[in-house]
Amino acid sequence: MRNIGFILLAVSVLLGGLTIWGLRQMSAARAAAEPQLHQTTVVVAGRTIGFGEVLTPDLLRVQAWPSGAQPQGAFQTVAQLTAQRRVALGPIAINEPVLTTRISGPGGRATLSGVIRAGMRASTIRVNDVFGVAGFVLPGDFVDILVTRDEGQRMNGSETKRTDVLLRSVRVLAVDQLANESKNSPVVAKAATIEVTPEQAQKLALAAEVGTLSLALRGTIDPLVRDDEGAPPTVRTSDLRLDGVKPPAPMVARKVVRVAARSVRRAPGATIEIIRGAEASTFRLRVSGEPG
């Protein structure tokens, strides 16, 4: 029994030693593999860089990066990036890789054309403190554009208007001459520049001539149009009733005409009363044989 105890103790010590040796070997292999994973470098922002800032060496630093995993358009050295004058086309956060898509070309300037996506156009519309959502529309926000225009005149001579959603979920590029997306305070502006397609730019130009344009700010949690989001219906002057009561249908006038027509057959000199909305008109009919 004593010999069996010694044998079990020796086996336990041997297994423990093998386990420790295996763990040390794994740690050594991992430590040897780490330098091979970081075989390249990427230039990142040393601090937050604002729109239009010139990129200088004191704003940048080099960050180790796994080989083959560096972002497209990244720079490997600070000297490579600052060899020629470049500016930021948008805010760059601290430790964010500086990419060619976020900065201007060599010798470039911080112009609005540098932030317009391929195939898109920049179009400007007039706004004020009301149509511009009291200045809370800022660069980088998404808005819907509404157009309000005259629809024509009713039979009683009263004018009617309609409002339609012209464009949905378009990106605001600038407000007046402000194009910095890091701006947080409201700005009461006279113009808003938005990013649209060429066809949408044509619609905007035409809508500005036939009606009044206004903006509707979309929320940050739902900036884009959802697949289940249907097109909003047209709103007309007749829809602006708090109680939801619709104006009298034309059938009312037809009923009055039919009743009056029966009275014509029964008694000469009958009259027809036609009701249009809140107005009523009375006409006297001549019956065959009645003196004029």
C-alpha atoms as a PDB file:
ATOM      1  CA  MET A   1       0.000   0.000   0.000  1.00  0.00           C
ATOM      2  CA  ARG A   2       2.876   2.338   0.834  1.00  0.00           C
ATOM      3  CA  ASN A   3       4.466   1.691  -2.583  1.00  0.00           C
ATOM      4  CA  ILE A   4       1.188   2.521  -4.371  1.00  0.00           C
ATOM      5  CA  GLY A   5       1.018   5.847  -2.520  1.00  0.00           C
ATOM      6  CA  PHE A   6       4.547   6.756  -3.622  1.00  0.00           C
ATOM      7  CA  ILE A   7       3.726   5.819  -7.203  1.00  0.00           C
ATOM      8  CA  LEU A   8       0.571   8.018  -7.261  1.00  0.00           C
ATOM      9  CA  LEU A   9       2.506  10.947  -5.772  1.00  0.00           C
ATOM     10  CA  ALA A  10       5.250  10.593  -8.388  1.00  0.00           C
ATOM     11  CA  VAL A  11       2.677  10.488 -11.211  1.00  0.00           C
ATOM     12  CA  SER A  12       0.951  13.625  -9.853  1.00  0.00           C
ATOM     13  CA  VAL A  13       4.250  15.507  -9.653  1.00  0.00           C
ATOM     14  CA  LEU A  14       5.122  14.431 -13.194  1.00  0.00           C
ATOM     15  CA  LEU A  15       1.755  15.520 -14.597  1.00  0.00           C
ATOM     16  CA  GLY A  16       1.998  18.858 -12.783  1.00  0.00           C
ATOM     17  CA  GLY A  17       5.469  19.462 -14.185  1.00  0.00           C
ATOM     18  CA  LEU A  18       4.329  18.611 -17.701  1.00  0.00           C
ATOM     19  CA  THR A  19       1.387  21.006 -17.363  1.00  0.00           C
ATOM     20  CA  ILE A  20       3.614  23.881 -16.228  1.00  0.00           C
ATOM     21  CA  TRP A  21       6.083  23.165 -19.015  1.00  0.00           C
ATOM     22  CA  GLY A  22       3.283  23.134 -21.597  1.00  0.00           C
ATOM     23  CA  LEU A  23       1.885  26.466 -20.402  1.00  0.00           C
ATOM     24  CA  ARG A  24       5.333  28.052 -20.570  1.00  0.00           C
ATOM     25  CA  GLN A  25       5.808  26.773 -24.095  1.00  0.00           C
ATOM     26  CA  MET A  26       2.459  28.199 -25.166  1.00  0.00           C
ATOM     27  CA  SER A  27       3.256  31.586 -23.625  1.00  0.00           C
ATOM     28  CA  ALA A  28       6.639  31.650 -25.353  1.00  0.00           C
ATOM     29  CA  ALA A  29       5.061  30.772 -28.699  1.00  0.00           C
ATOM     30  CA  ARG A  30       2.445  33.506 -28.306  1.00  0.00           C
ATOM     31  CA  ALA A  31       5.077  36.065 -27.348  1.00  0.00           C
ATOM     32  CA  ALA A  32       7.131  35.065 -30.383  1.00  0.00           C
ATOM     33  CA  ALA A  33       4.126  35.392 -32.670  1.00  0.00           C
ATOM     34  CA  GLU A  34       3.070  38.884 -31.454  1.00  0.00           C
ATOM     35  CA  PRO A  35       5.842  40.807 -33.222  1.00  0.00           C
ATOM     36  CA  GLN A  36       4.834  39.113 -36.481  1.00  0.00           C
ATOM     37  CA  LEU A  37       1.207  40.273 -36.116  1.00  0.00           C
ATOM     38  CA  HIS A  38       2.210  43.969 -35.914  1.00  0.00           C
ATOM     39  CA  GLN A  39       4.359  44.334 -38.970  1.00  0.00           C
ATOM     40  CA  THR A  40       2.989  47.682 -40.144  1.00  0.00           C
ATOM     41  CA  THR A  41       1.964  51.059 -38.784  1.00  0.00           C
ATOM     42  CA  VAL A  42      -0.971  53.402 -39.393  1.00  0.00           C
ATOM     43  CA  VAL A  43      -1.101  57.164 -38.839  1.00  0.00           C
ATOM     44  CA  VAL A  44      -3.915  58.140 -36.458  1.00  0.00           C
ATOM     45  CA  ALA A  45      -5.085  61.424 -34.972  1.00  0.00           C
ATOM     46  CA  GLY A  46      -3.252  62.371 -31.799  1.00  0.00           C
ATOM     47  CA  ARG A  47      -6.213  64.551 -30.790  1.00  0.00           C
ATOM     48  CA  THR A  48      -9.565  65.545 -32.240  1.00  0.00           C
ATOM     49  CA  ILE A  49      -9.043  67.336 -35.561  1.00  0.00           C
ATOM     50  CA  GLY A  50     -11.709  69.774 -36.709  1.00  0.00           C
ATOM     51  CA  PHE A  51     -13.005  70.587 -40.161  1.00  0.00           C
ATOM     52  CA  GLY A  52     -10.539  72.659 -42.178  1.00  0.00           C
ATOM     53  CA  GLU A  53      -7.538  72.154 -39.867  1.00  0.00           C
ATOM     54  CA  VAL A  54      -4.167  71.772 -41.561  1.00  0.00           C
ATOM     55  CA  LEU A  55      -2.602  68.397 -40.769  1.00  0.00           C
ATOM     56  CA  THR A  56       0.709  68.946 -38.999  1.00  0.00           C
ATOM     57  CA  PRO A  57       2.997  66.426 -37.271  1.00  0.00           C
ATOM     58  CA  ASP A  58       1.932  67.589 -33.798  1.00  0.00           C
ATOM     59  CA  LEU A  59      -1.666  66.492 -34.557  1.00  0.00           C
ATOM     60  CA  LEU A  60      -0.708  62.974 -35.632  1.00  0.00           C
ATOM     61  CA  ARG A  61       0.980  59.881 -34.277  1.00  0.00           C
ATOM     62  CA  VAL A  62       1.848  56.375 -35.457  1.00  0.00           C
ATOM     63  CA  GLN A  63      -0.091  53.359 -34.195  1.00  0.00           C
ATOM     64  CA  ALA A  64       1.007  49.713 -34.576  1.00  0.00           C
ATOM     65  CA  TRP A  65      -1.425  47.780 -36.772  1.00  0.00           C
ATOM     66  CA  PRO A  66      -1.796  44.128 -37.812  1.00  0.00           C
ATOM     67  CA  SER A  67      -0.344  43.501 -41.216  1.00  0.00           C
ATOM     68  CA  GLY A  68      -2.998  43.142 -43.874  1.00  0.00           C
ATOM     69  CA  ALA A  69      -5.734  44.645 -41.671  1.00  0.00           C
ATOM     70  CA  GLN A  70      -4.954  48.332 -42.149  1.00  0.00           C
ATOM     71  CA  PRO A  71      -7.853  50.464 -43.492  1.00  0.00           C
ATOM     72  CA  GLN A  72      -7.887  51.341 -47.164  1.00  0.00           C
ATOM     73  CA  GLY A  73      -6.349  54.747 -47.797  1.00  0.00           C
ATOM     74  CA  ALA A  74      -4.307  54.807 -44.558  1.00  0.00           C
ATOM     75  CA  PHE A  75      -0.800  56.258 -44.244  1.00  0.00           C
ATOM     76  CA  GLN A  76       2.119  54.398 -42.682  1.00  0.00           C
ATOM     77  CA  THR A  77       4.268  57.370 -41.641  1.00  0.00           C
ATOM     78  CA  VAL A  78       3.568  60.925 -40.523  1.00  0.00           C
ATOM     79  CA  ALA A  79       6.132  62.280 -42.992  1.00  0.00           C
ATOM     80  CA  GLN A  80       4.273  60.611 -45.856  1.00  0.00           C
ATOM     81  CA  LEU A  81       1.070  62.392 -44.866  1.00  0.00           C
ATOM     82  CA  THR A  82       2.529  65.825 -44.102  1.00  0.00           C
ATOM     83  CA  ALA A  83       4.963  66.011 -47.008  1.00  0.00           C
ATOM     84  CA  GLN A  84       2.463  68.333 -48.715  1.00  0.00           C
ATOM     85  CA  ARG A  85      -0.207  70.589 -47.262  1.00  0.00           C
ATOM     86  CA  ARG A  86      -3.442  68.706 -46.523  1.00  0.00           C
ATOM     87  CA  VAL A  87      -6.529  69.715 -44.555  1.00  0.00           C
ATOM     88  CA  ALA A  88      -9.302  67.754 -42.862  1.00  0.00           C
ATOM     89  CA  LEU A  89     -12.580  67.615 -44.788  1.00  0.00           C
ATOM     90  CA  GLY A  90     -14.481  66.640 -41.665  1.00  0.00           C
ATOM     91  CA  PRO A  91     -13.933  66.075 -37.947  1.00  0.00           C
ATOM     92  CA  ILE A  92     -11.505  63.246 -37.132  1.00  0.00           C
ATOM     93  CA  ALA A  93     -11.732  61.716 -33.662  1.00  0.00           C
ATOM     94  CA  ILE A  94      -8.738  60.951 -31.479  1.00  0.00           C
ATOM     95  CA  ASN A  95      -7.037  57.617 -32.339  1.00  0.00           C
ATOM     96  CA  GLU A  96      -9.042  57.439 -35.592  1.00  0.00           C
ATOM     97  CA  PRO A  97      -6.961  56.438 -38.656  1.00  0.00           C
ATOM     98  CA  VAL A  98      -6.386  59.344 -41.032  1.00  0.00           C
ATOM     99  CA  LEU A  99      -7.656  58.176 -44.426  1.00  0.00           C
ATOM    100  CA  THR A 100      -7.437  59.760 -47.869  1.00  0.00           C
ATOM    101  CA  THR A 101     -11.236  59.988 -47.983  1.00  0.00           C
ATOM    102  CA  ARG A 102     -11.282  62.218 -44.890  1.00  0.00           C
ATOM    103  CA  ILE A 103      -8.632  64.705 -45.997  1.00  0.00           C
ATOM    104  CA  SER A 104      -7.962  66.857 -49.047  1.00  0.00           C
ATOM    105  CA  GLY A 105      -5.430  66.141 -51.740  1.00  0.00           C
ATOM    106  CA  PRO A 106      -1.943  67.644 -51.679  1.00  0.00           C
ATOM    107  CA  GLY A 107      -2.213  71.427 -51.506  1.00  0.00           C
ATOM    108  CA  GLY A 108      -5.996  71.230 -51.221  1.00  0.00           C
ATOM    109  CA  ARG A 109      -8.426  73.375 -49.278  1.00  0.00           C
ATOM    110  CA  ALA A 110     -11.364  72.608 -47.030  1.00  0.00           C
ATOM    111  CA  THR A 111     -14.027  73.092 -49.704  1.00  0.00           C
ATOM    112  CA  LEU A 112     -17.554  71.706 -49.758  1.00  0.00           C
ATOM    113  CA  SER A 113     -16.865  69.837 -52.987  1.00  0.00           C
ATOM    114  CA  GLY A 114     -14.527  67.552 -51.096  1.00  0.00           C
ATOM    115  CA  VAL A 115     -17.323  66.060 -48.978  1.00  0.00           C
ATOM    116  CA  ILE A 116     -19.873  65.443 -51.759  1.00  0.00           C
ATOM    117  CA  ARG A 117     -20.224  61.753 -52.527  1.00  0.00           C
ATOM    118  CA  ALA A 118     -19.766  60.385 -56.021  1.00  0.00           C
ATOM    119  CA  GLY A 119     -22.770  60.937 -58.270  1.00  0.00           C
ATOM    120  CA  MET A 120     -24.372  63.453 -55.911  1.00  0.00           C
ATOM    121  CA  ARG A 121     -24.829  67.226 -56.126  1.00  0.00           C
ATOM    122  CA  ALA A 122     -25.035  70.094 -53.650  1.00  0.00           C
ATOM    123  CA  SER A 123     -28.162  72.230 -53.892  1.00  0.00           C
ATOM    124  CA  THR A 124     -29.099  75.228 -51.743  1.00  0.00           C
ATOM    125  CA  ILE A 125     -32.595  76.277 -50.652  1.00  0.00           C
ATOM    126  CA  ARG A 126     -33.788  79.335 -48.761  1.00  0.00           C
ATOM    127  CA  VAL A 127     -34.898  78.850 -45.153  1.00  0.00           C
ATOM    128  CA  ASN A 128     -35.618  81.033 -42.133  1.00  0.00           C
ATOM    129  CA  ASP A 129     -36.097  80.562 -38.414  1.00  0.00           C
ATOM    130  CA  VAL A 130     -39.387  78.711 -39.029  1.00  0.00           C
ATOM    131  CA  PHE A 131     -38.767  76.729 -42.216  1.00  0.00           C
ATOM    132  CA  GLY A 132     -35.277  75.861 -40.953  1.00  0.00           C
ATOM    133  CA  VAL A 133     -36.530  74.205 -37.709  1.00  0.00           C
ATOM    134  CA  ALA A 134     -35.482  77.222 -35.597  1.00  0.00           C
ATOM    135  CA  GLY A 135     -31.823  76.736 -36.476  1.00  0.00           C
ATOM    136  CA  PHE A 136     -31.563  73.207 -35.099  1.00  0.00           C
ATOM    137  CA  VAL A 137     -30.729  71.786 -38.545  1.00  0.00           C
ATOM    138  CA  LEU A 138     -26.931  71.445 -38.622  1.00  0.00           C
ATOM    139  CA  PRO A 139     -24.407  69.960 -41.068  1.00  0.00           C
ATOM    140  CA  GLY A 140     -24.566  66.174 -41.022  1.00  0.00           C
ATOM    141  CA  ASP A 141     -28.277  66.002 -40.130  1.00  0.00           C
ATOM    142  CA  PHE A 142     -30.893  64.307 -42.316  1.00  0.00           C
ATOM    143  CA  VAL A 143     -34.103  66.130 -43.234  1.00  0.00           C
ATOM    144  CA  ASP A 144     -37.300  65.764 -45.241  1.00  0.00           C
ATOM    145  CA  ILE A 145     -38.164  68.603 -47.617  1.00  0.00           C
ATOM    146  CA  LEU A 146     -41.779  69.744 -47.880  1.00  0.00           C
ATOM    147  CA  VAL A 147     -43.304  71.933 -50.578  1.00  0.00           C
ATOM    148  CA  THR A 148     -46.466  73.990 -50.066  1.00  0.00           C
ATOM    149  CA  ARG A 149     -48.192  75.422 -53.147  1.00  0.00           C
ATOM    150  CA  ASP A 150     -51.535  76.653 -54.454  1.00  0.00           C
ATOM    151  CA  GLU A 151     -53.827  73.963 -55.765  1.00  0.00           C
ATOM    152  CA  GLY A 152     -56.381  76.253 -57.402  1.00  0.00           C
ATOM    153  CA  GLN A 153     -59.783  77.730 -56.644  1.00  0.00           C
ATOM    154  CA  ARG A 154     -62.990  76.035 -55.598  1.00  0.00           C
ATOM    155  CA  MET A 155     -66.327  76.640 -57.218  1.00  0.00           C
ATOM    156  CA  ASN A 156     -67.184  79.210 -54.548  1.00  0.00           C
ATOM    157  CA  GLY A 157     -64.022  81.184 -55.362  1.00  0.00           C
ATOM    158  CA  SER A 158     -62.008  80.267 -52.232  1.00  0.00           C
ATOM    159  CA  GLU A 159     -58.363  79.287 -52.723  1.00  0.00           C
ATOM    160  CA  THR A 160     -56.962  75.987 -51.510  1.00  0.00           C
ATOM    161  CA  LYS A 161     -53.381  74.913 -50.820  1.00  0.00           C
ATOM    162  CA  ARG A 162     -51.609  71.573 -50.535  1.00  0.00           C
ATOM    163  CA  THR A 163     -48.408  70.339 -48.898  1.00  0.00           C
ATOM    164  CA  ASP A 164     -46.423  67.352 -50.176  1.00  0.00           C
ATOM    165  CA  VAL A 165     -43.228  65.659 -49.024  1.00  0.00           C
ATOM    166  CA  LEU A 166     -40.909  66.373 -51.937  1.00  0.00           C
ATOM    167  CA  LEU A 167     -37.720  64.588 -50.764  1.00  0.00           C
ATOM    168  CA  ARG A 168     -37.055  62.279 -47.850  1.00  0.00           C
ATOM    169  CA  SER A 169     -33.902  61.689 -45.819  1.00  0.00           C
ATOM    170  CA  VAL A 170     -31.442  63.990 -47.564  1.00  0.00           C
ATOM    171  CA  ARG A 171     -28.160  64.943 -45.887  1.00  0.00           C
ATOM    172  CA  VAL A 172     -27.443  68.521 -44.925  1.00  0.00           C
ATOM    173  CA  LEU A 173     -23.980  69.558 -46.091  1.00  0.00           C
ATOM    174  CA  ALA A 174     -23.892  73.125 -44.811  1.00  0.00           C
ATOM    175  CA  VAL A 175     -26.000  75.799 -43.162  1.00  0.00           C
ATOM    176  CA  ASP A 176     -25.174  79.227 -44.581  1.00  0.00           C
ATOM    177  CA  GLN A 177     -21.358  79.053 -44.809  1.00  0.00           C
ATOM    178  CA  LEU A 178     -21.011  76.564 -41.933  1.00  0.00           C
ATOM    179  CA  ALA A 179     -19.980  73.056 -43.007  1.00  0.00           C
ATOM    180  CA  ASN A 180     -18.422  71.767 -39.768  1.00  0.00           C
ATOM    181  CA  GLU A 181     -20.300  68.659 -38.596  1.00  0.00           C
ATOM    182  CA  SER A 182     -18.849  69.003 -35.098  1.00  0.00           C
ATOM    183  CA  LYS A 183     -20.871  72.187 -34.565  1.00  0.00           C
ATOM    184  CA  ASN A 184     -23.491  71.577 -31.866  1.00  0.00           C
ATOM    185  CA  SER A 185     -25.129  74.934 -31.131  1.00  0.00           C
ATOM    186  CA  PRO A 186     -28.209  75.978 -33.157  1.00  0.00           C
ATOM    187  CA  VAL A 187     -27.680  78.398 -36.037  1.00  0.00           C
ATOM    188  CA  VAL A 188     -30.528  80.504 -37.432  1.00  0.00           C
ATOM    189  CA  ALA A 189     -29.647  80.517 -41.111  1.00  0.00           C
ATOM    190  CA  LYS A 190     -30.988  81.923 -44.347  1.00  0.00           C
ATOM    191  CA  ALA A 191     -29.917  79.015 -46.555  1.00  0.00           C
ATOM    192  CA  ALA A 192     -29.319  75.279 -46.272  1.00  0.00           C
ATOM    193  CA  THR A 193     -27.154  73.258 -48.665  1.00  0.00           C
ATOM    194  CA  ILE A 194     -28.201  69.647 -49.056  1.00  0.00           C
ATOM    195  CA  GLU A 195     -26.805  66.624 -50.896  1.00  0.00           C
ATOM    196  CA  VAL A 196     -29.135  65.359 -53.629  1.00  0.00           C
ATOM    197  CA  THR A 197     -29.076  63.469 -56.896  1.00  0.00           C
ATOM    198  CA  PRO A 198     -29.169  65.434 -60.186  1.00  0.00           C
ATOM    199  CA  GLU A 199     -32.870  64.631 -60.629  1.00  0.00           C
ATOM    200  CA  GLN A 200     -33.655  65.736 -57.082  1.00  0.00           C
ATOM    201  CA  ALA A 201     -31.786  68.991 -57.723  1.00  0.00           C
ATOM    202  CA  GLN A 202     -34.113  69.652 -60.674  1.00  0.00           C
ATOM    203  CA  LYS A 203     -37.167  69.012 -58.508  1.00  0.00           C
ATOM    204  CA  LEU A 204     -35.874  71.404 -55.876  1.00  0.00           C
ATOM    205  CA  ALA A 205     -35.311  74.173 -58.412  1.00  0.00           C
ATOM    206  CA  LEU A 206     -38.829  73.761 -59.804  1.00  0.00           C
ATOM    207  CA  ALA A 207     -40.478  73.470 -56.381  1.00  0.00           C
ATOM    208  CA  ALA A 208     -38.790  76.686 -55.217  1.00  0.00           C
ATOM    209  CA  GLU A 209     -40.476  78.516 -58.119  1.00  0.00           C
ATOM    210  CA  VAL A 210     -44.009  77.148 -57.660  1.00  0.00           C
ATOM    211  CA  GLY A 211     -44.239  77.011 -53.871  1.00  0.00           C
ATOM    212  CA  THR A 212     -42.573  77.380 -50.483  1.00  0.00           C
ATOM    213  CA  LEU A 213     -39.987  74.889 -49.215  1.00  0.00           C
ATOM    214  CA  SER A 214     -39.562  73.904 -45.579  1.00  0.00           C
ATOM    215  CA  LEU A 215     -37.473  71.356 -43.677  1.00  0.00           C
ATOM    216  CA  ALA A 216     -38.526  68.572 -41.303  1.00  0.00           C
ATOM    217  CA  LEU A 217     -35.653  67.287 -39.164  1.00  0.00           C
ATOM    218  CA  ARG A 218     -35.321  63.500 -38.849  1.00  0.00           C
ATOM    219  CA  GLY A 219     -34.204  61.870 -35.595  1.00  0.00           C
ATOM    220  CA  THR A 220     -30.689  60.587 -35.058  1.00  0.00           C
ATOM    221  CA  ILE A 221     -31.998  57.073 -34.326  1.00  0.00           C
ATOM    222  CA  ASP A 222     -33.966  56.974 -37.582  1.00  0.00           C
ATOM    223  CA  PRO A 223     -32.164  59.194 -40.125  1.00  0.00           C
ATOM    224  CA  LEU A 224     -32.838  57.048 -43.194  1.00  0.00           C
ATOM    225  CA  VAL A 225     -36.046  55.927 -44.846  1.00  0.00           C
ATOM    226  CA  ARG A 226     -37.165  52.511 -43.597  1.00  0.00           C
ATOM    227  CA  ASP A 227     -38.396  49.807 -45.932  1.00  0.00           C
ATOM    228  CA  ASP A 228     -41.813  49.820 -44.220  1.00  0.00           C
ATOM    229  CA  GLU A 229     -42.126  53.601 -44.254  1.00  0.00           C
ATOM    230  CA  GLY A 230     -44.819  54.528 -46.760  1.00  0.00           C
ATOM    231  CA  ALA A 231     -45.042  57.808 -48.609  1.00  0.00           C
ATOM    232  CA  PRO A 232     -46.860  60.483 -46.557  1.00  0.00           C
ATOM    233  CA  PRO A 233     -50.226  61.543 -48.011  1.00  0.00           C
ATOM    234  CA  THR A 234     -50.915  64.987 -49.413  1.00  0.00           C
ATOM    235  CA  VAL A 235     -52.378  67.454 -46.911  1.00  0.00           C
ATOM    236  CA  ARG A 236     -54.883  70.017 -48.221  1.00  0.00           C
ATOM    237  CA  THR A 237     -56.610  73.027 -46.705  1.00  0.00           C
ATOM    238  CA  SER A 238     -59.761  70.990 -46.140  1.00  0.00           C
ATOM    239  CA  ASP A 239     -57.768  68.620 -43.894  1.00  0.00           C
ATOM    240  CA  LEU A 240     -57.036  71.372 -41.368  1.00  0.00           C
ATOM    241  CA  ARG A 241     -60.066  70.641 -39.191  1.00  0.00           C
ATOM    242  CA  LEU A 242     -59.450  69.963 -35.544  1.00  0.00           C
ATOM    243  CA  ASP A 243     -62.607  67.882 -35.164  1.00  0.00           C
ATOM    244  CA  GLY A 244     -61.864  65.833 -38.250  1.00  0.00           C
ATOM    245  CA  VAL A 245     -65.261  66.711 -39.809  1.00  0.00           C
ATOM    246  CA  LYS A 246     -65.146  66.747 -43.581  1.00  0.00           C
ATOM    247  CA  PRO A 247     -67.050  69.364 -45.606  1.00  0.00           C
ATOM    248  CA  PRO A 248     -70.515  68.359 -46.897  1.00  0.00           C
ATOM    249  CA  ALA A 249     -70.327  65.947 -49.794  1.00  0.00           C
ATOM    250  CA  PRO A 250     -71.733  67.010 -53.175  1.00  0.00           C
ATOM    251  CA  MET A 251     -74.496  64.405 -52.662  1.00  0.00           C
ATOM    252  CA  VAL A 252     -76.311  66.890 -50.407  1.00  0.00           C
ATOM    253  CA  ALA A 253     -76.797  69.265 -53.300  1.00  0.00           C
ATOM    254  CA  ARG A 254     -78.046  66.449 -55.530  1.00  0.00           C
ATOM    255  CA  LYS A 255     -80.628  65.418 -52.936  1.00  0.00           C
ATOM    256  CA  VAL A 256     -81.940  68.965 -52.762  1.00  0.00           C
ATOM    257  CA  VAL A 257     -82.152  69.086 -56.540  1.00  0.00           C
ATOM    258  CA  ARG A 258     -84.133  65.839 -56.673  1.00  0.00           C
ATOM    259  CA  VAL A 259     -86.585  67.003 -54.015  1.00  0.00           C
ATOM    260  CA  ALA A 260     -87.029  70.297 -55.769  1.00  0.00           C
ATOM    261  CA  ALA A 261     -87.531  68.518 -59.063  1.00  0.00           C
ATOM    262  CA  ARG A 262     -90.438  66.552 -57.596  1.00  0.00           C
ATOM    263  CA  SER A 263     -91.939  69.773 -56.359  1.00  0.00           C
ATOM    264  CA  VAL A 264     -91.680  71.178 -59.876  1.00  0.00           C
ATOM    265  CA  ARG A 265     -93.971  68.484 -61.195  1.00  0.00           C
ATOM    266  CA  ARG A 266     -96.525  69.155 -58.470  1.00  0.00           C
ATOM    267  CA  ALA A 267     -96.651  72.919 -58.326  1.00  0.00           C
ATOM    268  CA  PRO A 268     -95.604  75.589 -60.793  1.00  0.00           C
ATOM    269  CA  GLY A 269     -93.105  78.234 -59.797  1.00  0.00           C
ATOM    270  CA  ALA A 270     -90.952  75.894 -57.678  1.00  0.00           C
ATOM    271  CA  THR A 271     -87.422  76.819 -56.647  1.00  0.00           C
ATOM    272  CA  ILE A 272     -84.152  74.869 -56.442  1.00  0.00           C
ATOM    273  CA  GLU A 273     -81.781  75.428 -53.533  1.00  0.00           C
ATOM    274  CA  ILE A 274     -78.151  74.372 -54.151  1.00  0.00           C
ATOM    275  CA  ILE A 275     -75.804  74.142 -51.172  1.00  0.00           C
ATOM    276  CA  ARG A 276     -72.030  74.436 -51.671  1.00  0.00           C
ATOM    277  CA  GLY A 277     -70.231  74.129 -48.362  1.00  0.00           C
ATOM    278  CA  ALA A 278     -71.590  76.918 -46.153  1.00  0.00           C
ATOM    279  CA  GLU A 279     -73.167  78.862 -49.036  1.00  0.00           C
ATOM    280  CA  ALA A 280     -76.685  78.359 -50.419  1.00  0.00           C
ATOM    281  CA  SER A 281     -78.063  79.601 -53.746  1.00  0.00           C
ATOM    282  CA  THR A 282     -81.789  79.631 -54.736  1.00  0.00           C
ATOM    283  CA  PHE A 283     -83.021  79.473 -58.336  1.00  0.00           C
ATOM    284  CA  ARG A 284     -86.672  79.749 -59.561  1.00  0.00           C
ATOM    285  CA  LEU A 285     -87.721  77.378 -62.316  1.00  0.00           C
ATOM    286  CA  ARG A 286     -90.194  78.090 -65.055  1.00  0.00           C
ATOM    287  CA  VAL A 287     -92.691  75.376 -65.785  1.00  0.00           C
ATOM    288  CA  SER A 288     -94.044  74.760 -69.282  1.00  0.00           C
ATOM    289  CA  GLY A 289     -97.156  76.899 -69.774  1.00  0.00           C
ATOM    290  CA  GLU A 290     -96.215  79.354 -67.029  1.00  0.00           C
ATOM    291  CA  PRO A 291     -96.195  82.949 -68.203  1.00  0.00           C
ATOM    292  CA  GLY A 292     -92.724  84.523 -68.302  1.00  0.00           C
END
